[in-house]
Amino acid sequence: MEEITVIKPPKGLQFINLKEIIKYKDLLWTLVERDIKVRYKQTIIGGLWAIIQPLSTMVVFSIFFGKIAKIPSEGIPYPIFSYAGLILWTYFSTTLSNTSNSLIGDKNLITKVYFPRTIIPISKTVIGLLDYSIAFIILFGLMFFYNFTPTFKILLLPVVLFFTWLLVSGLGMWLSAFNVKYRDVRYAVPFFISMLLFVTPVIYPVSLAGEYSWLMNLNPMSGLIQAHRAIILNHQPVNWNLFGISVFLSLLIFLSGSLYFKSVERYFADII
């Protein structure tokens, strides 16, 4: 007699099942490899696009905000100040955009076979880390040019990256799940990202906010960007209070995002 396996959604509140993710790790890496090949297929310069985006943005910001607007840069050259923030911001913004549309993009896969749906948005966050690593090469060149020597603080860089990954993964799960039911998300996310850039200390220091700095603290990317810049360039101490707030908010967003995602994923195949 043929054995039949019945898959039922779990009952009650559920977070991400790490054991299940590990079980399907081969699928995760297959999706990552597929997206990398699709992204750079039939391109002339391939992976260099990961460098061109933050580098060209840095040049524009350096001209208009550094030279013309004379935005302060914490006593260091504006190009390296902005680029040290831009590479982390680019990872966040690009990955958030990709994860928010990830389920819609893989709807054929979702409707045909069972697998942990969280693998799809998570795979987008892994690809973003590759682009970040490529873009970091230019930052090393700028550090050499401006005579910045890395210190032991740079060992804390993976910690900042980890919490940035948690933040963008949590937001990605929220938005990708919303996008399945409400297709307005695909139009709202680019607008949200462009607005968020100007309330994040990427092109200006946190101190410039003055009496409105408490609003800056509500943005989890503020503490992550500030810590990222201070750890790499060692031009000032890390604002641990601001970083602690960002860590707390990132954890909160990740846990709530995974909780919501798991609560609605059973309906994805029916309404996507």
C-alpha atoms as a PDB file:
ATOM      1  CA  MET A   1       0.000   0.000   0.000  1.00  0.00           C
ATOM      2  CA  GLU A   2       1.399   3.391  -0.996  1.00  0.00           C
ATOM      3  CA  GLU A   3       2.321   5.614   1.928  1.00  0.00           C
ATOM      4  CA  ILE A   4       0.681   9.031   1.910  1.00  0.00           C
ATOM      5  CA  THR A   5       2.190  12.006   3.731  1.00  0.00           C
ATOM      6  CA  VAL A   6      -0.235  14.702   4.804  1.00  0.00           C
ATOM      7  CA  ILE A   7       1.253  18.126   5.512  1.00  0.00           C
ATOM      8  CA  LYS A   8      -0.757  20.303   7.862  1.00  0.00           C
ATOM      9  CA  PRO A   9       0.030  23.836   9.051  1.00  0.00           C
ATOM     10  CA  PRO A  10       1.033  24.025  12.727  1.00  0.00           C
ATOM     11  CA  LYS A  11      -1.447  25.380  15.219  1.00  0.00           C
ATOM     12  CA  GLY A  12      -0.929  28.379  17.450  1.00  0.00           C
ATOM     13  CA  LEU A  13       1.673  31.124  17.254  1.00  0.00           C
ATOM     14  CA  GLN A  14       4.823  30.085  15.394  1.00  0.00           C
ATOM     15  CA  PHE A  15       8.187  31.708  14.734  1.00  0.00           C
ATOM     16  CA  ILE A  16      10.722  30.676  12.100  1.00  0.00           C
ATOM     17  CA  ASN A  17      11.596  26.998  12.422  1.00  0.00           C
ATOM     18  CA  LEU A  18      15.395  26.939  12.193  1.00  0.00           C
ATOM     19  CA  LYS A  19      15.482  23.139  11.995  1.00  0.00           C
ATOM     20  CA  GLU A  20      13.229  23.267   8.955  1.00  0.00           C
ATOM     21  CA  ILE A  21      15.368  25.953   7.324  1.00  0.00           C
ATOM     22  CA  ILE A  22      18.478  23.820   7.881  1.00  0.00           C
ATOM     23  CA  LYS A  23      16.669  20.799   6.436  1.00  0.00           C
ATOM     24  CA  TYR A  24      15.944  22.741   3.243  1.00  0.00           C
ATOM     25  CA  LYS A  25      19.341  24.476   3.107  1.00  0.00           C
ATOM     26  CA  ASP A  26      20.056  23.004  -0.338  1.00  0.00           C
ATOM     27  CA  LEU A  27      16.958  24.739  -1.696  1.00  0.00           C
ATOM     28  CA  LEU A  28      18.049  27.986  -0.049  1.00  0.00           C
ATOM     29  CA  TRP A  29      21.446  27.910  -1.757  1.00  0.00           C
ATOM     30  CA  THR A  30      19.838  26.880  -5.051  1.00  0.00           C
ATOM     31  CA  LEU A  31      17.609  29.959  -4.943  1.00  0.00           C
ATOM     32  CA  VAL A  32      20.601  32.153  -4.078  1.00  0.00           C
ATOM     33  CA  GLU A  33      22.649  30.726  -6.945  1.00  0.00           C
ATOM     34  CA  ARG A  34      19.731  31.119  -9.352  1.00  0.00           C
ATOM     35  CA  ASP A  35      19.171  34.767  -8.459  1.00  0.00           C
ATOM     36  CA  ILE A  36      22.878  35.597  -8.772  1.00  0.00           C
ATOM     37  CA  LYS A  37      22.976  34.077 -12.253  1.00  0.00           C
ATOM     38  CA  VAL A  38      19.764  35.846 -13.309  1.00  0.00           C
ATOM     39  CA  ARG A  39      20.949  39.204 -11.942  1.00  0.00           C
ATOM     40  CA  TYR A  40      24.205  39.243 -13.883  1.00  0.00           C
ATOM     41  CA  LYS A  41      23.116  37.283 -16.961  1.00  0.00           C
ATOM     42  CA  GLN A  42      23.912  39.090 -20.219  1.00  0.00           C
ATOM     43  CA  THR A  43      25.552  42.002 -18.378  1.00  0.00           C
ATOM     44  CA  ILE A  44      28.827  43.504 -19.538  1.00  0.00           C
ATOM     45  CA  ILE A  45      30.436  44.259 -16.181  1.00  0.00           C
ATOM     46  CA  GLY A  46      28.616  41.684 -14.014  1.00  0.00           C
ATOM     47  CA  GLY A  47      29.270  41.990 -10.296  1.00  0.00           C
ATOM     48  CA  LEU A  48      30.791  45.442 -10.674  1.00  0.00           C
ATOM     49  CA  TRP A  49      27.247  46.812 -10.522  1.00  0.00           C
ATOM     50  CA  ALA A  50      27.454  46.152  -6.771  1.00  0.00           C
ATOM     51  CA  ILE A  51      30.252  48.746  -6.653  1.00  0.00           C
ATOM     52  CA  ILE A  52      28.888  51.251  -9.165  1.00  0.00           C
ATOM     53  CA  GLN A  53      25.678  51.988  -7.251  1.00  0.00           C
ATOM     54  CA  PRO A  54      27.166  53.129  -3.900  1.00  0.00           C
ATOM     55  CA  LEU A  55      30.252  54.626  -5.573  1.00  0.00           C
ATOM     56  CA  SER A  56      28.300  56.814  -7.991  1.00  0.00           C
ATOM     57  CA  THR A  57      25.924  57.849  -5.208  1.00  0.00           C
ATOM     58  CA  MET A  58      28.918  58.783  -3.048  1.00  0.00           C
ATOM     59  CA  VAL A  59      30.329  60.984  -5.818  1.00  0.00           C
ATOM     60  CA  VAL A  60      26.999  62.822  -6.265  1.00  0.00           C
ATOM     61  CA  PHE A  61      26.521  63.265  -2.504  1.00  0.00           C
ATOM     62  CA  SER A  62      30.112  64.487  -2.096  1.00  0.00           C
ATOM     63  CA  ILE A  63      29.559  67.188  -4.709  1.00  0.00           C
ATOM     64  CA  PHE A  64      26.143  68.444  -3.596  1.00  0.00           C
ATOM     65  CA  PHE A  65      26.189  67.772   0.145  1.00  0.00           C
ATOM     66  CA  GLY A  66      29.912  67.859   0.854  1.00  0.00           C
ATOM     67  CA  LYS A  67      31.138  70.654  -1.421  1.00  0.00           C
ATOM     68  CA  ILE A  68      28.053  72.790  -2.060  1.00  0.00           C
ATOM     69  CA  ALA A  69      25.882  72.336   1.055  1.00  0.00           C
ATOM     70  CA  LYS A  70      28.924  71.918   3.350  1.00  0.00           C
ATOM     71  CA  ILE A  71      27.266  69.176   5.409  1.00  0.00           C
ATOM     72  CA  PRO A  72      29.518  68.326   8.406  1.00  0.00           C
ATOM     73  CA  SER A  73      31.153  64.918   8.321  1.00  0.00           C
ATOM     74  CA  GLU A  74      32.462  64.397  11.866  1.00  0.00           C
ATOM     75  CA  GLY A  75      35.902  65.785  11.021  1.00  0.00           C
ATOM     76  CA  ILE A  76      36.722  63.311   8.256  1.00  0.00           C
ATOM     77  CA  PRO A  77      36.664  63.666   4.446  1.00  0.00           C
ATOM     78  CA  TYR A  78      33.072  63.608   3.200  1.00  0.00           C
ATOM     79  CA  PRO A  79      33.607  60.944   0.482  1.00  0.00           C
ATOM     80  CA  ILE A  80      34.716  58.253   2.935  1.00  0.00           C
ATOM     81  CA  PHE A  81      32.169  59.447   5.520  1.00  0.00           C
ATOM     82  CA  SER A  82      29.283  59.019   3.093  1.00  0.00           C
ATOM     83  CA  TYR A  83      30.569  55.811   1.477  1.00  0.00           C
ATOM     84  CA  ALA A  84      31.008  54.088   4.862  1.00  0.00           C
ATOM     85  CA  GLY A  85      27.317  54.679   5.459  1.00  0.00           C
ATOM     86  CA  LEU A  86      26.154  54.110   1.902  1.00  0.00           C
ATOM     87  CA  ILE A  87      27.385  50.526   1.537  1.00  0.00           C
ATOM     88  CA  LEU A  88      25.336  49.408   4.541  1.00  0.00           C
ATOM     89  CA  TRP A  89      22.375  51.524   3.438  1.00  0.00           C
ATOM     90  CA  THR A  90      22.575  50.057  -0.080  1.00  0.00           C
ATOM     91  CA  TYR A  91      22.482  46.549   1.375  1.00  0.00           C
ATOM     92  CA  PHE A  92      19.427  47.462   3.460  1.00  0.00           C
ATOM     93  CA  SER A  93      17.494  49.334   0.757  1.00  0.00           C
ATOM     94  CA  THR A  94      18.208  46.950  -2.128  1.00  0.00           C
ATOM     95  CA  THR A  95      17.527  43.856  -0.042  1.00  0.00           C
ATOM     96  CA  LEU A  96      14.299  45.289   1.375  1.00  0.00           C
ATOM     97  CA  SER A  97      13.067  46.046  -2.124  1.00  0.00           C
ATOM     98  CA  ASN A  98      13.933  42.528  -3.319  1.00  0.00           C
ATOM     99  CA  THR A  99      12.454  40.707  -0.330  1.00  0.00           C
ATOM    100  CA  SER A 100       9.180  42.640  -0.482  1.00  0.00           C
ATOM    101  CA  ASN A 101       8.545  41.285  -4.001  1.00  0.00           C
ATOM    102  CA  SER A 102      10.116  37.862  -3.452  1.00  0.00           C
ATOM    103  CA  LEU A 103       6.943  35.814  -2.932  1.00  0.00           C
ATOM    104  CA  ILE A 104       5.228  37.330  -5.967  1.00  0.00           C
ATOM    105  CA  GLY A 105       8.304  36.613  -8.058  1.00  0.00           C
ATOM    106  CA  ASP A 106       8.314  32.939  -7.050  1.00  0.00           C
ATOM    107  CA  LYS A 107       4.558  32.352  -7.102  1.00  0.00           C
ATOM    108  CA  ASN A 108       4.893  29.386  -9.487  1.00  0.00           C
ATOM    109  CA  LEU A 109       7.169  27.663  -7.007  1.00  0.00           C
ATOM    110  CA  ILE A 110       4.857  28.381  -4.081  1.00  0.00           C
ATOM    111  CA  THR A 111       1.781  26.917  -5.781  1.00  0.00           C
ATOM    112  CA  LYS A 112       3.451  23.687  -6.930  1.00  0.00           C
ATOM    113  CA  VAL A 113       5.494  22.257  -4.059  1.00  0.00           C
ATOM    114  CA  TYR A 114       5.776  22.440  -0.291  1.00  0.00           C
ATOM    115  CA  PHE A 115       8.803  24.000   1.388  1.00  0.00           C
ATOM    116  CA  PRO A 116       9.279  26.575   4.173  1.00  0.00           C
ATOM    117  CA  ARG A 117       8.108  29.801   2.534  1.00  0.00           C
ATOM    118  CA  THR A 118      10.514  31.835   4.662  1.00  0.00           C
ATOM    119  CA  ILE A 119      13.341  30.481   2.526  1.00  0.00           C
ATOM    120  CA  ILE A 120      12.303  32.780  -0.333  1.00  0.00           C
ATOM    121  CA  PRO A 121      12.718  36.170   1.411  1.00  0.00           C
ATOM    122  CA  ILE A 122      15.747  34.913   3.354  1.00  0.00           C
ATOM    123  CA  SER A 123      17.501  33.949   0.108  1.00  0.00           C
ATOM    124  CA  LYS A 124      17.259  37.592  -1.036  1.00  0.00           C
ATOM    125  CA  THR A 125      19.013  38.781   2.116  1.00  0.00           C
ATOM    126  CA  VAL A 126      21.943  36.434   1.461  1.00  0.00           C
ATOM    127  CA  ILE A 127      22.446  37.804  -2.052  1.00  0.00           C
ATOM    128  CA  GLY A 128      22.618  41.303  -0.636  1.00  0.00           C
ATOM    129  CA  LEU A 129      25.515  40.316   1.610  1.00  0.00           C
ATOM    130  CA  LEU A 130      27.487  39.309  -1.478  1.00  0.00           C
ATOM    131  CA  ASP A 131      26.961  42.750  -3.018  1.00  0.00           C
ATOM    132  CA  TYR A 132      27.970  44.359   0.287  1.00  0.00           C
ATOM    133  CA  SER A 133      31.224  42.368   0.331  1.00  0.00           C
ATOM    134  CA  ILE A 134      32.066  43.451  -3.221  1.00  0.00           C
ATOM    135  CA  ALA A 135      31.333  47.119  -2.449  1.00  0.00           C
ATOM    136  CA  PHE A 136      33.527  46.934   0.653  1.00  0.00           C
ATOM    137  CA  ILE A 137      36.591  46.615  -1.618  1.00  0.00           C
ATOM    138  CA  ILE A 138      36.217  50.288  -2.588  1.00  0.00           C
ATOM    139  CA  LEU A 139      35.974  51.272   1.072  1.00  0.00           C
ATOM    140  CA  PHE A 140      39.353  49.670   1.730  1.00  0.00           C
ATOM    141  CA  GLY A 141      40.748  51.715  -1.155  1.00  0.00           C
ATOM    142  CA  LEU A 142      39.311  54.937   0.309  1.00  0.00           C
ATOM    143  CA  MET A 143      40.746  54.073   3.732  1.00  0.00           C
ATOM    144  CA  PHE A 144      44.180  53.648   2.192  1.00  0.00           C
ATOM    145  CA  PHE A 145      43.830  56.886   0.213  1.00  0.00           C
ATOM    146  CA  TYR A 146      42.750  58.931   3.255  1.00  0.00           C
ATOM    147  CA  ASN A 147      45.161  57.185   5.670  1.00  0.00           C
ATOM    148  CA  PHE A 148      42.607  55.363   7.831  1.00  0.00           C
ATOM    149  CA  THR A 149      44.010  52.250   9.499  1.00  0.00           C
ATOM    150  CA  PRO A 150      41.598  49.524  10.660  1.00  0.00           C
ATOM    151  CA  THR A 151      41.688  48.755  14.398  1.00  0.00           C
ATOM    152  CA  PHE A 152      40.494  45.853  16.518  1.00  0.00           C
ATOM    153  CA  LYS A 153      37.038  47.468  16.465  1.00  0.00           C
ATOM    154  CA  ILE A 154      36.520  46.145  12.955  1.00  0.00           C
ATOM    155  CA  LEU A 155      36.057  42.713  14.546  1.00  0.00           C
ATOM    156  CA  LEU A 156      32.641  44.018  15.641  1.00  0.00           C
ATOM    157  CA  LEU A 157      31.596  44.525  12.015  1.00  0.00           C
ATOM    158  CA  PRO A 158      29.879  41.091  11.746  1.00  0.00           C
ATOM    159  CA  VAL A 159      27.740  42.051  14.756  1.00  0.00           C
ATOM    160  CA  VAL A 160      26.467  45.170  12.967  1.00  0.00           C
ATOM    161  CA  LEU A 161      25.859  43.170   9.792  1.00  0.00           C
ATOM    162  CA  PHE A 162      23.983  40.499  11.724  1.00  0.00           C
ATOM    163  CA  PHE A 163      21.534  42.951  13.262  1.00  0.00           C
ATOM    164  CA  THR A 164      21.117  44.726   9.927  1.00  0.00           C
ATOM    165  CA  TRP A 165      20.295  41.327   8.452  1.00  0.00           C
ATOM    166  CA  LEU A 166      17.775  40.722  11.243  1.00  0.00           C
ATOM    167  CA  LEU A 167      16.158  44.096  10.571  1.00  0.00           C
ATOM    168  CA  VAL A 168      15.855  43.708   6.812  1.00  0.00           C
ATOM    169  CA  SER A 169      14.732  40.074   7.173  1.00  0.00           C
ATOM    170  CA  GLY A 170      11.994  41.079   9.601  1.00  0.00           C
ATOM    171  CA  LEU A 171      10.795  43.951   7.421  1.00  0.00           C
ATOM    172  CA  GLY A 172      11.075  41.706   4.369  1.00  0.00           C
ATOM    173  CA  MET A 173       8.826  39.075   5.937  1.00  0.00           C
ATOM    174  CA  TRP A 174       6.258  41.722   6.888  1.00  0.00           C
ATOM    175  CA  LEU A 175       6.221  43.331   3.444  1.00  0.00           C
ATOM    176  CA  SER A 176       6.430  40.153   1.343  1.00  0.00           C
ATOM    177  CA  ALA A 177       3.478  38.674   3.252  1.00  0.00           C
ATOM    178  CA  PHE A 178       1.492  41.905   2.838  1.00  0.00           C
ATOM    179  CA  ASN A 179       2.377  41.998  -0.853  1.00  0.00           C
ATOM    180  CA  VAL A 180       0.696  38.652  -1.473  1.00  0.00           C
ATOM    181  CA  LYS A 181      -2.678  40.124  -0.496  1.00  0.00           C
ATOM    182  CA  TYR A 182      -2.155  43.826  -1.102  1.00  0.00           C
ATOM    183  CA  ARG A 183      -0.231  44.552  -4.300  1.00  0.00           C
ATOM    184  CA  ASP A 184       0.088  48.233  -3.353  1.00  0.00           C
ATOM    185  CA  VAL A 185       3.213  47.223  -1.444  1.00  0.00           C
ATOM    186  CA  ARG A 186       5.299  47.096  -4.603  1.00  0.00           C
ATOM    187  CA  TYR A 187       4.583  50.793  -5.188  1.00  0.00           C
ATOM    188  CA  ALA A 188       4.845  51.884  -1.569  1.00  0.00           C
ATOM    189  CA  VAL A 189       8.221  50.299  -0.777  1.00  0.00           C
ATOM    190  CA  PRO A 190      10.377  52.400  -3.185  1.00  0.00           C
ATOM    191  CA  PHE A 191       8.714  55.575  -1.874  1.00  0.00           C
ATOM    192  CA  PHE A 192       9.235  54.444   1.733  1.00  0.00           C
ATOM    193  CA  ILE A 193      12.927  53.674   1.088  1.00  0.00           C
ATOM    194  CA  SER A 194      13.592  57.014  -0.612  1.00  0.00           C
ATOM    195  CA  MET A 195      11.999  58.895   2.304  1.00  0.00           C
ATOM    196  CA  LEU A 196      13.809  56.812   4.907  1.00  0.00           C
ATOM    197  CA  LEU A 197      17.183  57.758   3.422  1.00  0.00           C
ATOM    198  CA  PHE A 198      16.729  61.356   4.546  1.00  0.00           C
ATOM    199  CA  VAL A 199      15.899  60.410   8.150  1.00  0.00           C
ATOM    200  CA  THR A 200      18.884  58.075   8.399  1.00  0.00           C
ATOM    201  CA  PRO A 201      22.413  59.426   9.122  1.00  0.00           C
ATOM    202  CA  VAL A 202      23.861  58.328   5.790  1.00  0.00           C
ATOM    203  CA  ILE A 203      24.605  61.738   4.270  1.00  0.00           C
ATOM    204  CA  TYR A 204      24.890  63.629   7.566  1.00  0.00           C
ATOM    205  CA  PRO A 205      25.989  62.819  11.149  1.00  0.00           C
ATOM    206  CA  VAL A 206      23.523  61.945  13.929  1.00  0.00           C
ATOM    207  CA  SER A 207      24.554  65.100  15.818  1.00  0.00           C
ATOM    208  CA  LEU A 208      23.060  67.279  13.068  1.00  0.00           C
ATOM    209  CA  ALA A 209      19.543  66.284  14.201  1.00  0.00           C
ATOM    210  CA  GLY A 210      19.995  68.319  17.400  1.00  0.00           C
ATOM    211  CA  GLU A 211      16.812  68.511  19.461  1.00  0.00           C
ATOM    212  CA  TYR A 212      15.105  66.074  17.074  1.00  0.00           C
ATOM    213  CA  SER A 213      17.638  63.335  17.734  1.00  0.00           C
ATOM    214  CA  TRP A 214      14.978  61.369  19.640  1.00  0.00           C
ATOM    215  CA  LEU A 215      13.167  60.925  16.328  1.00  0.00           C
ATOM    216  CA  MET A 216      16.403  59.615  14.833  1.00  0.00           C
ATOM    217  CA  ASN A 217      16.587  57.032  17.615  1.00  0.00           C
ATOM    218  CA  LEU A 218      13.271  55.544  16.470  1.00  0.00           C
ATOM    219  CA  ASN A 219      14.880  54.614  13.166  1.00  0.00           C
ATOM    220  CA  PRO A 220      16.766  51.323  13.771  1.00  0.00           C
ATOM    221  CA  MET A 221      19.085  52.024  10.844  1.00  0.00           C
ATOM    222  CA  SER A 222      20.436  55.123  12.628  1.00  0.00           C
ATOM    223  CA  GLY A 223      22.335  53.208  15.304  1.00  0.00           C
ATOM    224  CA  LEU A 224      23.471  50.574  12.806  1.00  0.00           C
ATOM    225  CA  ILE A 225      24.832  53.141  10.331  1.00  0.00           C
ATOM    226  CA  GLN A 226      26.557  55.128  13.084  1.00  0.00           C
ATOM    227  CA  ALA A 227      28.147  52.006  14.598  1.00  0.00           C
ATOM    228  CA  HIS A 228      29.148  50.723  11.153  1.00  0.00           C
ATOM    229  CA  ARG A 229      30.953  53.970  10.355  1.00  0.00           C
ATOM    230  CA  ALA A 230      32.615  54.308  13.784  1.00  0.00           C
ATOM    231  CA  ILE A 231      33.800  50.683  13.836  1.00  0.00           C
ATOM    232  CA  ILE A 232      35.398  50.875  10.397  1.00  0.00           C
ATOM    233  CA  LEU A 233      36.914  54.366  10.485  1.00  0.00           C
ATOM    234  CA  ASN A 234      37.521  54.637  14.265  1.00  0.00           C
ATOM    235  CA  HIS A 235      37.102  58.409  14.031  1.00  0.00           C
ATOM    236  CA  GLN A 236      34.829  58.572  17.071  1.00  0.00           C
ATOM    237  CA  PRO A 237      33.436  56.239  19.783  1.00  0.00           C
ATOM    238  CA  VAL A 238      30.457  54.034  19.018  1.00  0.00           C
ATOM    239  CA  ASN A 239      27.223  55.452  20.418  1.00  0.00           C
ATOM    240  CA  TRP A 240      26.286  52.305  22.361  1.00  0.00           C
ATOM    241  CA  ASN A 241      22.988  53.753  23.600  1.00  0.00           C
ATOM    242  CA  LEU A 242      21.839  54.422  20.042  1.00  0.00           C
ATOM    243  CA  PHE A 243      23.174  51.054  18.911  1.00  0.00           C
ATOM    244  CA  GLY A 244      21.337  49.313  21.766  1.00  0.00           C
ATOM    245  CA  ILE A 245      18.048  50.893  20.680  1.00  0.00           C
ATOM    246  CA  SER A 246      18.677  49.698  17.110  1.00  0.00           C
ATOM    247  CA  VAL A 247      19.423  46.172  18.333  1.00  0.00           C
ATOM    248  CA  PHE A 248      16.201  46.088  20.360  1.00  0.00           C
ATOM    249  CA  LEU A 249      14.085  47.408  17.475  1.00  0.00           C
ATOM    250  CA  SER A 250      15.733  45.016  14.995  1.00  0.00           C
ATOM    251  CA  LEU A 251      14.970  42.037  17.236  1.00  0.00           C
ATOM    252  CA  LEU A 252      11.406  43.242  17.742  1.00  0.00           C
ATOM    253  CA  ILE A 253      10.811  43.694  14.008  1.00  0.00           C
ATOM    254  CA  PHE A 254      12.374  40.323  13.173  1.00  0.00           C
ATOM    255  CA  LEU A 255      10.363  38.385  15.756  1.00  0.00           C
ATOM    256  CA  SER A 256       7.083  40.129  14.911  1.00  0.00           C
ATOM    257  CA  GLY A 257       7.753  39.751  11.172  1.00  0.00           C
ATOM    258  CA  SER A 258       8.447  36.019  11.464  1.00  0.00           C
ATOM    259  CA  LEU A 259       5.396  35.595  13.685  1.00  0.00           C
ATOM    260  CA  TYR A 260       3.116  37.327  11.188  1.00  0.00           C
ATOM    261  CA  PHE A 261       4.676  35.539   8.210  1.00  0.00           C
ATOM    262  CA  LYS A 262       4.166  32.111   9.775  1.00  0.00           C
ATOM    263  CA  SER A 263       0.579  32.964  10.711  1.00  0.00           C
ATOM    264  CA  VAL A 264      -0.455  33.744   7.118  1.00  0.00           C
ATOM    265  CA  GLU A 265       1.832  31.569   4.975  1.00  0.00           C
ATOM    266  CA  ARG A 266      -0.776  28.800   4.819  1.00  0.00           C
ATOM    267  CA  TYR A 267      -2.891  31.084   2.605  1.00  0.00           C
ATOM    268  CA  PHE A 268      -0.165  32.113   0.168  1.00  0.00           C
ATOM    269  CA  ALA A 269      -0.817  29.381  -2.414  1.00  0.00           C
ATOM    270  CA  ASP A 270      -4.546  30.161  -2.447  1.00  0.00           C
ATOM    271  CA  ILE A 271      -4.412  33.915  -3.029  1.00  0.00           C
ATOM    272  CA  ILE A 272      -1.075  34.561  -4.750  1.00  0.00           C
END
